[in-house]
C-alpha atoms as a PDB file:
ATOM      1  CA  THR A   1       5.341 -10.919 -34.894  1.00  0.00           C
ATOM      2  CA  GLY A   2       2.058 -10.447 -32.794  1.00  0.00           C
ATOM      3  CA  ALA A   3       1.347 -13.888 -32.359  1.00  0.00           C
ATOM      4  CA  LEU A   4      -0.442 -14.902 -28.894  1.00  0.00           C
ATOM      5  CA  THR A   5       0.946 -17.576 -26.468  1.00  0.00           C
ATOM      6  CA  PHE A   6      -1.440 -18.540 -23.885  1.00  0.00           C
ATOM      7  CA  VAL A   7       0.138 -17.814 -20.250  1.00  0.00           C
ATOM      8  CA  ASP A   8      -2.676 -18.675 -17.764  1.00  0.00           C
ATOM      9  CA  VAL A   9      -6.033 -18.393 -16.784  1.00  0.00           C
ATOM     10  CA  LEU A  10      -7.528 -16.959 -13.501  1.00  0.00           C
ATOM     11  CA  HIS A  11     -11.103 -17.861 -12.394  1.00  0.00           C
ATOM     12  CA  GLU A  12     -13.476 -16.254  -9.576  1.00  0.00           C
ATOM     13  CA  GLY A  13     -13.200 -18.548  -6.464  1.00  0.00           C
ATOM     14  CA  ASP A  14      -9.429 -19.737  -7.313  1.00  0.00           C
ATOM     15  CA  VAL A  15      -6.974 -19.661  -4.169  1.00  0.00           C
ATOM     16  CA  GLN A  16      -4.090 -17.525  -5.321  1.00  0.00           C
ATOM     17  CA  GLY A  17      -1.870 -14.784  -4.051  1.00  0.00           C
ATOM     18  CA  LEU A  18      -3.302 -13.147  -0.959  1.00  0.00           C
ATOM     19  CA  GLY A  19      -6.502 -15.236  -1.070  1.00  0.00           C
ATOM     20  CA  THR A  20      -9.482 -16.303  -2.833  1.00  0.00           C
ATOM     21  CA  ILE A  21     -10.052 -14.506  -6.062  1.00  0.00           C
ATOM     22  CA  ASP A  22     -13.099 -12.297  -6.123  1.00  0.00           C
ATOM     23  CA  GLY A  23     -14.601  -9.616  -8.374  1.00  0.00           C
ATOM     24  CA  LEU A  24     -14.409 -11.373 -11.623  1.00  0.00           C
ATOM     25  CA  ASP A  25     -18.035 -12.543 -12.045  1.00  0.00           C
ATOM     26  CA  GLY A  26     -18.861 -10.674 -15.314  1.00  0.00           C
ATOM     27  CA  ALA A  27     -15.716  -9.297 -16.088  1.00  0.00           C
ATOM     28  CA  GLU A  28     -16.413  -6.370 -18.390  1.00  0.00           C
ATOM     29  CA  SER A  29     -13.377  -4.420 -18.486  1.00  0.00           C
ATOM     30  CA  VAL A  30      -9.503  -4.679 -17.902  1.00  0.00           C
ATOM     31  CA  VAL A  31      -6.728  -1.828 -17.909  1.00  0.00           C
ATOM     32  CA  VAL A  32      -2.874  -2.200 -17.150  1.00  0.00           C
ATOM     33  CA  SER A  33      -1.144   0.381 -15.365  1.00  0.00           C
ATOM     34  CA  PRO A  34       1.136   2.649 -17.060  1.00  0.00           C
ATOM     35  CA  ASP A  35       4.091   1.048 -15.531  1.00  0.00           C
ATOM     36  CA  GLY A  36       3.017  -2.323 -16.609  1.00  0.00           C
ATOM     37  CA  ALA A  37       2.959  -3.527 -12.898  1.00  0.00           C
ATOM     38  CA  HIS A  38      -0.707  -3.988 -12.264  1.00  0.00           C
ATOM     39  CA  VAL A  39      -3.903  -5.146 -14.069  1.00  0.00           C
ATOM     40  CA  TYR A  40      -7.336  -4.043 -12.695  1.00  0.00           C
ATOM     41  CA  VAL A  41     -10.545  -5.861 -13.551  1.00  0.00           C
ATOM     42  CA  ALA A  42     -14.237  -4.432 -13.586  1.00  0.00           C
ATOM     43  CA  GLY A  43     -16.612  -7.186 -12.443  1.00  0.00           C
ATOM     44  CA  PHE A  44     -19.980  -6.344 -13.677  1.00  0.00           C
ATOM     45  CA  ASN A  45     -22.210  -9.121 -11.646  1.00  0.00           C
ATOM     46  CA  ASP A  46     -19.759  -8.677  -8.342  1.00  0.00           C
ATOM     47  CA  GLY A  47     -20.287  -4.993  -8.385  1.00  0.00           C
ATOM     48  CA  ALA A  48     -16.670  -4.813  -7.820  1.00  0.00           C
ATOM     49  CA  VAL A  49     -13.071  -4.023  -9.155  1.00  0.00           C
ATOM     50  CA  ALA A  50     -10.270  -6.528  -8.678  1.00  0.00           C
ATOM     51  CA  VAL A  51      -6.573  -5.870  -8.534  1.00  0.00           C
ATOM     52  CA  PHE A  52      -3.626  -8.233  -9.619  1.00  0.00           C
ATOM     53  CA  ALA A  53      -0.006  -7.666  -9.480  1.00  0.00           C
ATOM     54  CA  ARG A  54       1.560  -8.406 -12.892  1.00  0.00           C
ATOM     55  CA  ASN A  55       4.790  -9.913 -13.867  1.00  0.00           C
ATOM     56  CA  PRO A  56       6.478  -8.070 -16.760  1.00  0.00           C
ATOM     57  CA  ALA A  57       8.188 -10.891 -17.935  1.00  0.00           C
ATOM     58  CA  THR A  58       5.731 -13.742 -17.946  1.00  0.00           C
ATOM     59  CA  GLY A  59       2.468 -11.495 -17.914  1.00  0.00           C
ATOM     60  CA  GLN A  60       1.330 -13.683 -15.065  1.00  0.00           C
ATOM     61  CA  LEU A  61      -1.041 -12.267 -12.591  1.00  0.00           C
ATOM     62  CA  THR A  62      -1.145 -12.663  -8.526  1.00  0.00           C
ATOM     63  CA  TYR A  63      -4.320 -11.602  -7.160  1.00  0.00           C
ATOM     64  CA  MET A  64      -4.170  -8.822  -4.463  1.00  0.00           C
ATOM     65  CA  GLU A  65      -7.497  -7.337  -3.545  1.00  0.00           C
ATOM     66  CA  THR A  66     -10.801  -6.497  -4.445  1.00  0.00           C
ATOM     67  CA  HIS A  67     -13.394  -3.721  -3.944  1.00  0.00           C
ATOM     68  CA  LYS A  68     -16.888  -4.330  -3.745  1.00  0.00           C
ATOM     69  CA  ASP A  69     -19.983  -2.003  -3.428  1.00  0.00           C
ATOM     70  CA  VAL A  70     -21.194  -1.206  -0.009  1.00  0.00           C
ATOM     71  CA  SER A  71     -24.472  -2.637  -0.859  1.00  0.00           C
ATOM     72  CA  LEU A  72     -22.608  -6.121  -1.520  1.00  0.00           C
ATOM     73  CA  GLY A  73     -20.451  -5.735   1.944  1.00  0.00           C
ATOM     74  CA  GLY A  74     -17.722  -3.851   0.523  1.00  0.00           C
ATOM     75  CA  THR A  75     -16.304  -0.160   1.318  1.00  0.00           C
ATOM     76  CA  ALA A  76     -16.778   1.591  -1.921  1.00  0.00           C
ATOM     77  CA  SER A  77     -19.905   3.207  -3.338  1.00  0.00           C
ATOM     78  CA  GLY A  78     -20.907   3.408  -7.003  1.00  0.00           C
ATOM     79  CA  LEU A  79     -19.924   0.079  -8.236  1.00  0.00           C
ATOM     80  CA  LEU A  80     -22.918  -1.936  -8.932  1.00  0.00           C
ATOM     81  CA  GLY A  81     -22.793  -3.044 -12.990  1.00  0.00           C
ATOM     82  CA  ALA A  82     -18.986  -2.235 -12.714  1.00  0.00           C
ATOM     83  CA  SER A  83     -18.446  -1.674 -16.547  1.00  0.00           C
ATOM     84  CA  THR A  84     -15.494   0.260 -17.698  1.00  0.00           C
ATOM     85  CA  LEU A  85     -12.055   1.346 -16.114  1.00  0.00           C
ATOM     86  CA  ILE A  86      -9.473   3.877 -17.030  1.00  0.00           C
ATOM     87  CA  LEU A  87      -6.345   5.105 -15.206  1.00  0.00           C
ATOM     88  CA  SER A  88      -4.927   8.636 -15.442  1.00  0.00           C
ATOM     89  CA  SER A  89      -1.629   8.645 -17.494  1.00  0.00           C
ATOM     90  CA  ASP A  90       0.474   8.830 -14.379  1.00  0.00           C
ATOM     91  CA  GLY A  91      -1.433   5.736 -12.868  1.00  0.00           C
ATOM     92  CA  GLY A  92      -2.565   7.429  -9.742  1.00  0.00           C
ATOM     93  CA  ASP A  93      -6.385   7.744 -10.277  1.00  0.00           C
ATOM     94  CA  LEU A  94      -8.621   5.123 -11.539  1.00  0.00           C
ATOM     95  CA  TYR A  95     -12.103   5.697 -12.586  1.00  0.00           C
ATOM     96  CA  LEU A  96     -14.876   3.054 -13.192  1.00  0.00           C
ATOM     97  CA  ALA A  97     -18.219   3.813 -14.684  1.00  0.00           C
ATOM     98  CA  SER A  98     -21.169   1.604 -13.241  1.00  0.00           C
ATOM     99  CA  PHE A  99     -24.071   0.715 -15.447  1.00  0.00           C
ATOM    100  CA  THR A 100     -26.347  -0.294 -12.509  1.00  0.00           C
ATOM    101  CA  SER A 101     -25.161   2.302  -9.927  1.00  0.00           C
ATOM    102  CA  ASP A 102     -25.642   5.400 -12.742  1.00  0.00           C
ATOM    103  CA  ALA A 103     -22.147   6.435 -11.257  1.00  0.00           C
ATOM    104  CA  VAL A 104     -18.424   6.771 -11.926  1.00  0.00           C
ATOM    105  CA  ALA A 105     -16.192   5.719  -8.815  1.00  0.00           C
ATOM    106  CA  HIS A 106     -12.901   7.165  -8.149  1.00  0.00           C
ATOM    107  CA  PHE A 107      -9.970   5.386  -6.575  1.00  0.00           C
ATOM    108  CA  LYS A 108      -6.530   6.533  -5.748  1.00  0.00           C
ATOM    109  CA  ARG A 109      -3.803   3.913  -6.754  1.00  0.00           C
ATOM    110  CA  ASP A 110      -0.387   3.584  -4.693  1.00  0.00           C
ATOM    111  CA  THR A 111       2.050   4.515  -7.385  1.00  0.00           C
ATOM    112  CA  VAL A 112       5.272   4.197  -4.680  1.00  0.00           C
ATOM    113  CA  VAL A 113       7.022   1.207  -5.891  1.00  0.00           C
ATOM    114  CA  ALA A 114       8.774   0.722  -2.348  1.00  0.00           C
ATOM    115  CA  SER A 115       5.501   0.914  -0.539  1.00  0.00           C
ATOM    116  CA  PRO A 116       3.980  -2.262   0.893  1.00  0.00           C
ATOM    117  CA  THR A 117       0.618  -1.433  -0.661  1.00  0.00           C
ATOM    118  CA  TYR A 118       1.838  -0.560  -4.068  1.00  0.00           C
ATOM    119  CA  GLY A 119      -0.739  -0.823  -7.068  1.00  0.00           C
ATOM    120  CA  LYS A 120      -3.495  -1.328  -4.340  1.00  0.00           C
ATOM    121  CA  LEU A 121      -6.593   1.014  -4.572  1.00  0.00           C
ATOM    122  CA  THR A 122      -8.118   3.509  -1.938  1.00  0.00           C
ATOM    123  CA  PHE A 123     -11.824   4.453  -2.651  1.00  0.00           C
ATOM    124  CA  GLN A 124     -12.369   8.199  -2.705  1.00  0.00           C
ATOM    125  CA  SER A 125     -15.629   9.157  -3.949  1.00  0.00           C
ATOM    126  CA  ALA A 126     -18.503   8.645  -6.626  1.00  0.00           C
ATOM    127  CA  VAL A 127     -20.536  10.852  -8.560  1.00  0.00           C
ATOM    128  CA  VAL A 128     -24.186   9.693  -9.147  1.00  0.00           C
ATOM    129  CA  ASP A 129     -26.638  10.441 -11.496  1.00  0.00           C
ATOM    130  CA  GLY A 130     -29.213  12.909  -9.840  1.00  0.00           C
ATOM    131  CA  GLY A 131     -26.904  13.801  -7.212  1.00  0.00           C
ATOM    132  CA  VAL A 132     -26.019  17.355  -6.455  1.00  0.00           C
ATOM    133  CA  GLN A 133     -22.594  18.915  -6.908  1.00  0.00           C
ATOM    134  CA  GLY A 134     -22.754  22.880  -5.967  1.00  0.00           C
ATOM    135  CA  PRO A 135     -25.392  24.288  -7.703  1.00  0.00           C
ATOM    136  CA  LEU A 136     -25.586  21.508 -10.333  1.00  0.00           C
ATOM    137  CA  THR A 137     -27.543  18.421 -10.633  1.00  0.00           C
ATOM    138  CA  ILE A 138     -25.198  15.614 -12.088  1.00  0.00           C
ATOM    139  CA  ASN A 139     -27.157  14.217 -15.266  1.00  0.00           C
ATOM    140  CA  GLY A 140     -26.029  11.825 -18.002  1.00  0.00           C
ATOM    141  CA  LEU A 141     -24.961   8.803 -15.851  1.00  0.00           C
ATOM    142  CA  ASP A 142     -27.947   6.815 -16.168  1.00  0.00           C
ATOM    143  CA  GLY A 143     -26.657   3.497 -17.361  1.00  0.00           C
ATOM    144  CA  ALA A 144     -22.880   4.632 -17.297  1.00  0.00           C
ATOM    145  CA  ALA A 145     -21.383   2.230 -19.788  1.00  0.00           C
ATOM    146  CA  SER A 146     -18.175   3.814 -20.843  1.00  0.00           C
ATOM    147  CA  VAL A 147     -15.654   6.292 -19.510  1.00  0.00           C
ATOM    148  CA  ARG A 148     -12.522   8.200 -21.182  1.00  0.00           C
ATOM    149  CA  LEU A 149     -10.126  10.832 -20.022  1.00  0.00           C
ATOM    150  CA  SER A 150      -9.045  13.741 -22.246  1.00  0.00           C
ATOM    151  CA  PRO A 151      -5.319  13.377 -23.632  1.00  0.00           C
ATOM    152  CA  ASN A 152      -4.533  16.052 -21.263  1.00  0.00           C
ATOM    153  CA  GLY A 153      -6.219  14.431 -18.218  1.00  0.00           C
ATOM    154  CA  ASN A 154      -8.276  17.548 -17.480  1.00  0.00           C
ATOM    155  CA  HIS A 155     -11.699  16.356 -18.487  1.00  0.00           C
ATOM    156  CA  LEU A 156     -13.457  12.888 -18.246  1.00  0.00           C
ATOM    157  CA  TYR A 157     -16.274  11.910 -20.299  1.00  0.00           C
ATOM    158  CA  VAL A 158     -18.783   9.203 -19.306  1.00  0.00           C
ATOM    159  CA  ALA A 159     -21.283   7.629 -21.973  1.00  0.00           C
ATOM    160  CA  GLY A 160     -24.807   7.164 -20.167  1.00  0.00           C
ATOM    161  CA  ALA A 161     -26.521   4.444 -22.230  1.00  0.00           C
ATOM    162  CA  VAL A 162     -29.942   4.797 -20.456  1.00  0.00           C
ATOM    163  CA  ASP A 163     -29.905   8.725 -20.765  1.00  0.00           C
ATOM    164  CA  LYS A 164     -28.565   8.556 -24.151  1.00  0.00           C
ATOM    165  CA  ALA A 165     -26.148  11.172 -22.950  1.00  0.00           C
ATOM    166  CA  VAL A 166     -22.248  12.213 -22.477  1.00  0.00           C
ATOM    167  CA  ALA A 167     -21.534  13.737 -19.263  1.00  0.00           C
ATOM    168  CA  VAL A 168     -18.652  15.711 -18.944  1.00  0.00           C
ATOM    169  CA  PHE A 169     -16.473  16.206 -15.738  1.00  0.00           C
ATOM    170  CA  SER A 170     -13.415  18.540 -15.103  1.00  0.00           C
ATOM    171  CA  ARG A 171     -10.643  16.649 -13.343  1.00  0.00           C
ATOM    172  CA  ASP A 172      -8.628  18.081 -10.724  1.00  0.00           C
ATOM    173  CA  GLY A 173      -4.936  16.958 -11.744  1.00  0.00           C
ATOM    174  CA  GLY A 174      -3.730  16.959  -7.985  1.00  0.00           C
ATOM    175  CA  THR A 175      -6.276  15.390  -6.410  1.00  0.00           C
ATOM    176  CA  GLY A 176      -8.354  13.561  -9.211  1.00  0.00           C
ATOM    177  CA  ALA A 177     -11.645  14.796  -8.118  1.00  0.00           C
ATOM    178  CA  LEU A 178     -14.298  14.988 -10.534  1.00  0.00           C
ATOM    179  CA  THR A 179     -16.283  18.439 -11.132  1.00  0.00           C
ATOM    180  CA  PHE A 180     -19.547  18.004 -13.287  1.00  0.00           C
ATOM    181  CA  VAL A 181     -19.652  20.357 -16.149  1.00  0.00           C
ATOM    182  CA  GLU A 182     -22.502  19.323 -18.340  1.00  0.00           C
ATOM    183  CA  ALA A 183     -24.513  16.463 -20.079  1.00  0.00           C
ATOM    184  CA  ARG A 184     -25.176  16.286 -23.770  1.00  0.00           C
END
């Protein structure tokens, strides 16, 4: 019928799953993996992405890990002001638009069900406003607020709120790597 029934609530600092939940301060965006097994949350104030395993039958979440920006003691870059998340249709790549870092961070997601790291993320790279990629200067990411993939997954679009622009990237379907095309 579409009716909602409350299941649970998780808070930053709760002890659960693999430890103390971190990365939820200023939770801005949430995405569920295509297989329904994991949930990813962008924490704006934490400059982070938090990872949860999801019970498909009950919807309950179990904390797995958090990735924070290097400036906050983490191992990933381009996460300050984490705003919007999107997963590729195969669930293998996660992209995060970061308002304060003026960037898009790229993570690989372990999609092997039998793997002990199933659902966990590995930071790959970040493209940053003003950075150089080949002969081009990346533009349009100042205040990166939203990110979307084209239906075929070949392009990624980022709304740069401060730049008042849309940045366009081509996406390598195998590696998930982004190449700057233009900003409008």
